[in-house]
Protein backbone atom coordinates (compact mmCIF):
# COMPACT_ATOMS: atom_id res chain seq x y z
CA MET A 1 -8.76 22.03 -18.20
CA ALA A 2 -6.75 18.60 -19.04
CA PHE A 3 -8.88 15.42 -17.93
CA GLU A 4 -5.88 13.38 -17.27
CA LYS A 5 -6.98 11.55 -13.80
CA ILE A 6 -10.02 10.09 -14.96
CA HIS A 7 -12.04 7.73 -12.50
CA PHE A 8 -14.00 4.85 -14.58
CA THR A 9 -17.29 2.95 -13.06
CA ALA A 10 -19.30 0.66 -14.96
CA ASN A 11 -22.44 -1.48 -14.79
CA ASP A 12 -22.43 -5.23 -13.77
CA THR A 13 -22.59 -6.23 -17.40
CA GLU A 14 -19.72 -8.35 -19.04
CA LYS A 15 -19.61 -6.09 -22.04
CA ALA A 16 -19.23 -2.72 -19.59
CA GLN A 17 -16.71 -4.53 -17.12
CA ALA A 18 -14.76 -5.62 -20.31
CA ALA A 19 -14.59 -2.13 -21.44
CA MET A 20 -13.58 -0.57 -18.13
CA ARG A 21 -10.72 -3.24 -18.02
CA ARG A 22 -9.58 -2.09 -21.46
CA LEU A 23 -10.09 1.76 -20.54
CA VAL A 24 -7.94 1.43 -17.12
CA HIS A 25 -5.53 -0.15 -19.04
CA VAL A 26 -4.44 2.58 -21.33
CA TYR A 27 -5.52 5.64 -18.88
CA GLY A 28 -5.17 3.84 -15.19
CA GLN A 29 -7.55 4.83 -12.79
CA ALA A 30 -7.77 7.90 -10.25
CA PRO A 31 -8.99 7.62 -6.88
CA LEU A 32 -12.69 8.62 -6.80
CA ALA A 33 -11.83 11.79 -4.56
CA GLN A 34 -9.01 12.84 -6.61
CA ALA A 35 -10.43 12.53 -10.19
CA ASP A 36 -10.82 15.48 -12.75
CA VAL A 37 -13.60 13.45 -14.59
CA ILE A 38 -16.06 10.68 -13.41
CA VAL A 39 -16.75 8.28 -16.86
CA PRO A 40 -19.62 5.79 -15.78
CA LEU A 41 -19.98 3.23 -19.04
CA GLY A 42 -23.61 1.75 -18.98
CA GLY A 43 -26.67 3.08 -19.69
CA ASP A 44 -29.19 6.08 -18.19
CA GLY A 45 -30.28 4.03 -15.37
CA PHE A 46 -26.31 3.50 -14.76
CA MET A 47 -25.60 7.35 -15.30
CA LEU A 48 -28.46 8.35 -12.65
CA SER A 49 -27.08 6.14 -9.86
CA THR A 50 -23.54 7.57 -10.40
CA LEU A 51 -24.54 11.01 -10.43
CA HIS A 52 -26.34 10.26 -6.88
CA ALA A 53 -23.45 8.68 -5.53
CA ALA A 54 -20.83 11.23 -6.70
CA GLN A 55 -22.95 14.61 -6.04
CA SER A 56 -21.00 15.90 -3.18
CA LEU A 57 -17.86 15.73 -5.51
CA PRO A 58 -16.75 18.81 -7.85
CA ALA A 59 -15.79 16.22 -10.69
CA PRO A 60 -17.83 16.58 -13.80
CA VAL A 61 -19.54 13.44 -15.14
CA TYR A 62 -18.62 11.90 -18.84
CA GLY A 63 -20.80 8.93 -19.50
CA MET A 64 -20.27 6.82 -22.26
CA HIS A 65 -22.79 4.14 -23.62
CA GLN A 66 -22.37 0.64 -22.95
CA GLY A 67 -26.19 -0.20 -21.84
CA THR A 68 -29.34 -0.40 -23.10
CA VAL A 69 -30.72 3.24 -23.17
CA GLY A 70 -28.04 6.04 -23.62
CA PHE A 71 -29.92 9.46 -23.61
CA LEU A 72 -27.38 10.79 -21.19
CA MET A 73 -24.63 8.87 -22.70
CA ASN A 74 -22.15 9.64 -25.12
CA ASP A 75 -20.82 7.31 -27.84
CA TYR A 76 -17.98 4.86 -26.53
CA GLY A 77 -14.90 5.54 -27.98
CA GLU A 78 -11.30 4.66 -26.95
CA GLU A 79 -9.13 6.94 -28.49
CA GLY A 80 -7.90 10.32 -27.35
CA LEU A 81 -10.36 10.19 -24.78
CA PRO A 82 -9.02 13.02 -22.11
CA ALA A 83 -9.19 15.32 -25.33
CA ARG A 84 -12.42 14.27 -26.36
CA ILE A 85 -13.29 15.24 -22.15
CA ALA A 86 -11.32 18.37 -22.79
CA ALA A 87 -13.75 19.52 -25.66
CA ALA A 88 -16.96 18.56 -24.52
CA GLU A 89 -19.82 21.04 -23.65
CA ARG A 90 -20.92 21.70 -20.44
CA ALA A 91 -25.09 21.01 -18.97
CA GLU A 92 -25.47 21.76 -15.08
CA ILE A 93 -28.95 20.13 -13.74
CA HIS A 94 -30.66 20.52 -10.23
CA PRO A 95 -32.34 17.60 -9.12
CA LEU A 96 -35.75 17.55 -7.29
CA LYS A 97 -36.18 17.07 -3.60
CA MET A 98 -38.92 14.67 -1.97
CA HIS A 99 -40.43 15.05 1.47
CA ALA A 100 -42.40 12.27 2.05
CA LEU A 101 -44.71 12.03 4.88
CA CYS A 102 -46.00 7.72 5.42
CA VAL A 103 -49.19 6.82 7.32
CA ASP A 104 -47.48 5.80 10.06
CA GLY A 105 -45.95 9.09 10.61
CA THR A 106 -42.39 8.41 9.16
CA LYS A 107 -40.63 10.94 7.41
CA GLU A 108 -38.73 9.79 4.10
CA GLU A 109 -36.20 12.29 2.10
CA ALA A 110 -34.74 11.80 -1.37
CA LEU A 111 -33.36 13.42 -4.71
CA ALA A 112 -34.50 12.73 -7.76
CA ILE A 113 -32.51 13.90 -11.11
CA ASN A 114 -35.33 12.63 -13.70
CA GLU A 115 -38.92 12.76 -11.84
CA VAL A 116 -40.50 12.06 -8.66
CA SER A 117 -43.66 9.62 -9.59
CA MET A 118 -46.79 8.93 -7.09
CA LEU A 119 -47.95 5.61 -8.18
CA ARG A 120 -50.90 3.19 -6.86
CA MET A 121 -49.99 0.53 -4.94
CA GLY A 122 -52.76 -2.01 -5.32
CA PRO A 123 -55.59 -2.63 -7.80
CA GLN A 124 -57.56 0.65 -7.18
CA ALA A 125 -56.73 3.80 -8.46
CA ALA A 126 -54.83 6.40 -6.52
CA LYS A 127 -56.74 9.52 -5.18
CA LEU A 128 -54.62 12.79 -5.32
CA ARG A 129 -54.99 16.57 -4.10
CA ILE A 130 -52.95 18.56 -5.73
CA SER A 131 -51.36 21.84 -4.50
CA VAL A 132 -48.93 24.52 -5.93
CA ASN A 133 -47.28 26.95 -3.83
CA GLY A 134 -49.57 26.24 -0.98
CA ARG A 135 -52.78 26.21 -3.26
CA VAL A 136 -55.25 23.55 -4.12
CA ARG A 137 -55.16 23.43 -7.94
CA MET A 138 -56.92 19.91 -8.12
CA ASP A 139 -59.14 18.65 -5.07
CA ARG A 140 -59.14 15.12 -6.73
CA LEU A 141 -57.60 13.39 -9.33
CA VAL A 142 -57.93 9.91 -9.89
CA CYS A 143 -55.04 7.72 -11.57
CA ASP A 144 -52.61 5.35 -12.00
CA GLY A 145 -50.46 7.92 -10.79
CA ALA A 146 -48.83 11.06 -11.48
CA LEU A 147 -45.30 12.81 -11.74
CA VAL A 148 -43.09 16.15 -11.61
CA SER A 149 -40.38 15.86 -14.11
CA THR A 150 -37.33 17.99 -14.25
CA PRO A 151 -36.00 18.93 -18.40
CA ALA A 152 -33.57 16.16 -17.91
CA GLY A 153 -35.90 13.57 -17.12
CA SER A 154 -38.69 14.59 -19.51
CA THR A 155 -37.78 12.37 -22.09
CA ALA A 156 -37.76 9.08 -19.37
CA TYR A 157 -41.19 8.42 -17.61
CA ASN A 158 -42.53 11.58 -18.41
CA TYR A 159 -42.63 11.04 -22.33
CA SER A 160 -43.81 7.36 -21.97
CA ALA A 161 -46.66 9.22 -19.84
CA HIS A 162 -47.61 11.08 -22.53
CA GLY A 163 -46.01 14.39 -20.72
CA PRO A 164 -44.27 17.24 -22.90
CA ILE A 165 -40.37 16.93 -23.55
CA LEU A 166 -38.49 19.99 -22.20
CA PRO A 167 -35.94 22.02 -23.13
CA ILE A 168 -32.66 22.01 -21.01
CA GLY A 169 -32.97 25.96 -20.25
CA ALA A 170 -36.88 26.35 -19.80
CA ASN A 171 -36.93 26.39 -16.08
CA ILE A 172 -40.08 24.76 -16.16
CA LEU A 173 -41.11 21.37 -14.44
CA ALA A 174 -43.81 18.75 -16.21
CA LEU A 175 -46.27 17.67 -13.96
CA THR A 176 -47.75 14.91 -15.91
CA ALA A 177 -50.83 12.34 -15.03
CA VAL A 178 -50.68 8.60 -15.58
CA ALA A 179 -53.40 6.96 -16.84
CA ALA A 180 -56.40 9.63 -15.24
CA PHE A 181 -59.66 8.49 -14.82
CA ARG A 182 -61.10 11.57 -13.63
CA PRO A 183 -60.98 14.09 -15.00
CA ARG A 184 -60.31 11.71 -17.73
CA ARG A 185 -58.55 13.64 -20.19
CA TRP A 186 -56.51 15.96 -17.79
CA ARG A 187 -52.92 15.03 -18.94
CA GLY A 188 -50.91 17.61 -16.36
CA ALA A 189 -49.88 21.60 -16.22
CA LEU A 190 -46.49 23.30 -16.80
CA LEU A 191 -45.18 24.74 -13.99
CA PRO A 192 -42.40 27.36 -12.79
CA MET A 193 -38.81 25.43 -11.73
CA ASP A 194 -39.14 27.05 -8.46
CA ALA A 195 -42.90 25.92 -7.62
CA ASP A 196 -43.74 23.89 -4.40
CA ILE A 197 -45.43 20.93 -5.45
CA SER A 198 -47.09 18.93 -2.64
CA PHE A 199 -49.54 15.90 -3.51
CA GLU A 200 -52.04 14.64 -0.85
CA VAL A 201 -53.32 10.74 -1.16
CA LEU A 202 -57.01 10.95 -0.30
CA GLU A 203 -58.25 7.08 0.98
CA PRO A 204 -54.53 5.83 1.94
CA GLU A 205 -55.53 3.08 3.53
CA LYS A 206 -58.21 1.80 0.90
CA ARG A 207 -55.98 3.40 -2.13
CA PRO A 208 -52.25 3.13 -1.16
CA VAL A 209 -49.85 5.42 -2.96
CA SER A 210 -46.11 4.72 -3.15
CA ALA A 211 -43.67 7.93 -4.34
CA VAL A 212 -40.81 7.30 -6.12
CA ALA A 213 -37.60 9.50 -6.58
CA ASP A 214 -35.38 8.02 -9.41
CA SER A 215 -34.97 4.48 -7.75
CA SER A 216 -35.57 5.42 -4.39
CA ASP A 217 -39.42 4.01 -3.31
CA VAL A 218 -41.44 4.90 -0.29
CA LYS A 219 -44.34 2.96 0.48
CA ASN A 220 -47.67 4.06 1.97
CA VAL A 221 -47.22 7.82 1.36
CA LEU A 222 -49.50 9.94 3.13
CA ARG A 223 -48.08 13.70 1.13
CA VAL A 224 -45.29 14.24 -0.42
CA ASP A 225 -43.91 18.02 -1.00
CA ILE A 226 -41.41 18.69 -3.99
CA ALA A 227 -39.52 21.40 -5.21
CA ILE A 228 -36.00 21.92 -7.07
CA GLU A 229 -32.75 21.54 -4.57
CA PRO A 230 -31.03 24.93 -6.06
CA ASP A 231 -28.15 23.89 -3.51
CA ILE A 232 -27.08 21.39 -5.52
CA PHE A 233 -26.16 20.66 -8.70
CA HIS A 234 -24.68 18.01 -11.09
CA VAL A 235 -22.42 18.79 -14.20
CA LEU A 236 -22.57 16.58 -17.27
CA LEU A 237 -20.47 16.66 -20.26
CA PHE A 238 -21.11 15.73 -23.82
CA ASP A 239 -19.73 15.76 -27.20
CA PRO A 240 -20.11 18.91 -29.01
CA GLY A 241 -23.26 18.62 -31.33
CA HIS A 242 -24.64 16.64 -28.98
CA GLY A 243 -25.88 18.31 -25.71
CA LEU A 244 -28.57 17.94 -23.78
CA GLU A 245 -30.10 20.89 -25.61
CA GLU A 246 -29.94 19.21 -29.03
CA ARG A 247 -30.69 15.86 -27.70
CA LEU A 248 -34.25 16.97 -26.32
CA LEU A 249 -34.93 18.98 -29.86
CA ASN A 250 -33.70 15.39 -31.80
CA GLU A 251 -36.40 13.59 -29.78
CA GLN A 252 -38.92 16.08 -30.50
CA PHE A 253 -38.50 15.72 -34.46
CA GLN A 254 -37.85 12.34 -34.75
């Protein structure tokens, strides 16, 4: 496929904005709805926001690093960009879908490409009950929080919380505790990709908890249900030899 109609977007740093101006001058700026490919310039946070914003569009996304963290980004380069994109490797990823019931009875939904996190909002530890496919697997987890991560997101917050790095094709989700107090050494579990995971917040008035799907934050949740959304997928493009699978392997052998 010829990637001639490129839509560039950039985060708000001067470095990324200047790069976009140079690229648009050379390659033009296709309207977003008509683009063959979307090229975000920034870091991983900007890549995630671009994927969320473009999820209804058919164009794949080829990011170039102009930010702080660039695990999902390719190296920046201005020459021969259409040919470089045409030679890129594809990676398809599905997001998690979060259904949150709040203490006041309201309901919220959000998608997460990296992870859904349950996080304490106050000075006291959260108390969570965890169910998988309708069966209670842990009656009480006392912790700062817990998260469910996709393979694509396993090197982000999940890894910082000492969760495992997951191969991109493993069809596994990581359930990882954040600073578990009881059971003290419980680090989490590996679950099938099609698992339905539920968190119930115990003592929600005394120990309030928020649910965060990537950057979508829902306060004072009572229950959160999480599952892969199979009908939505994102296509990311990576330079040959630098795809997600290779990046995940490199992270484990650094």
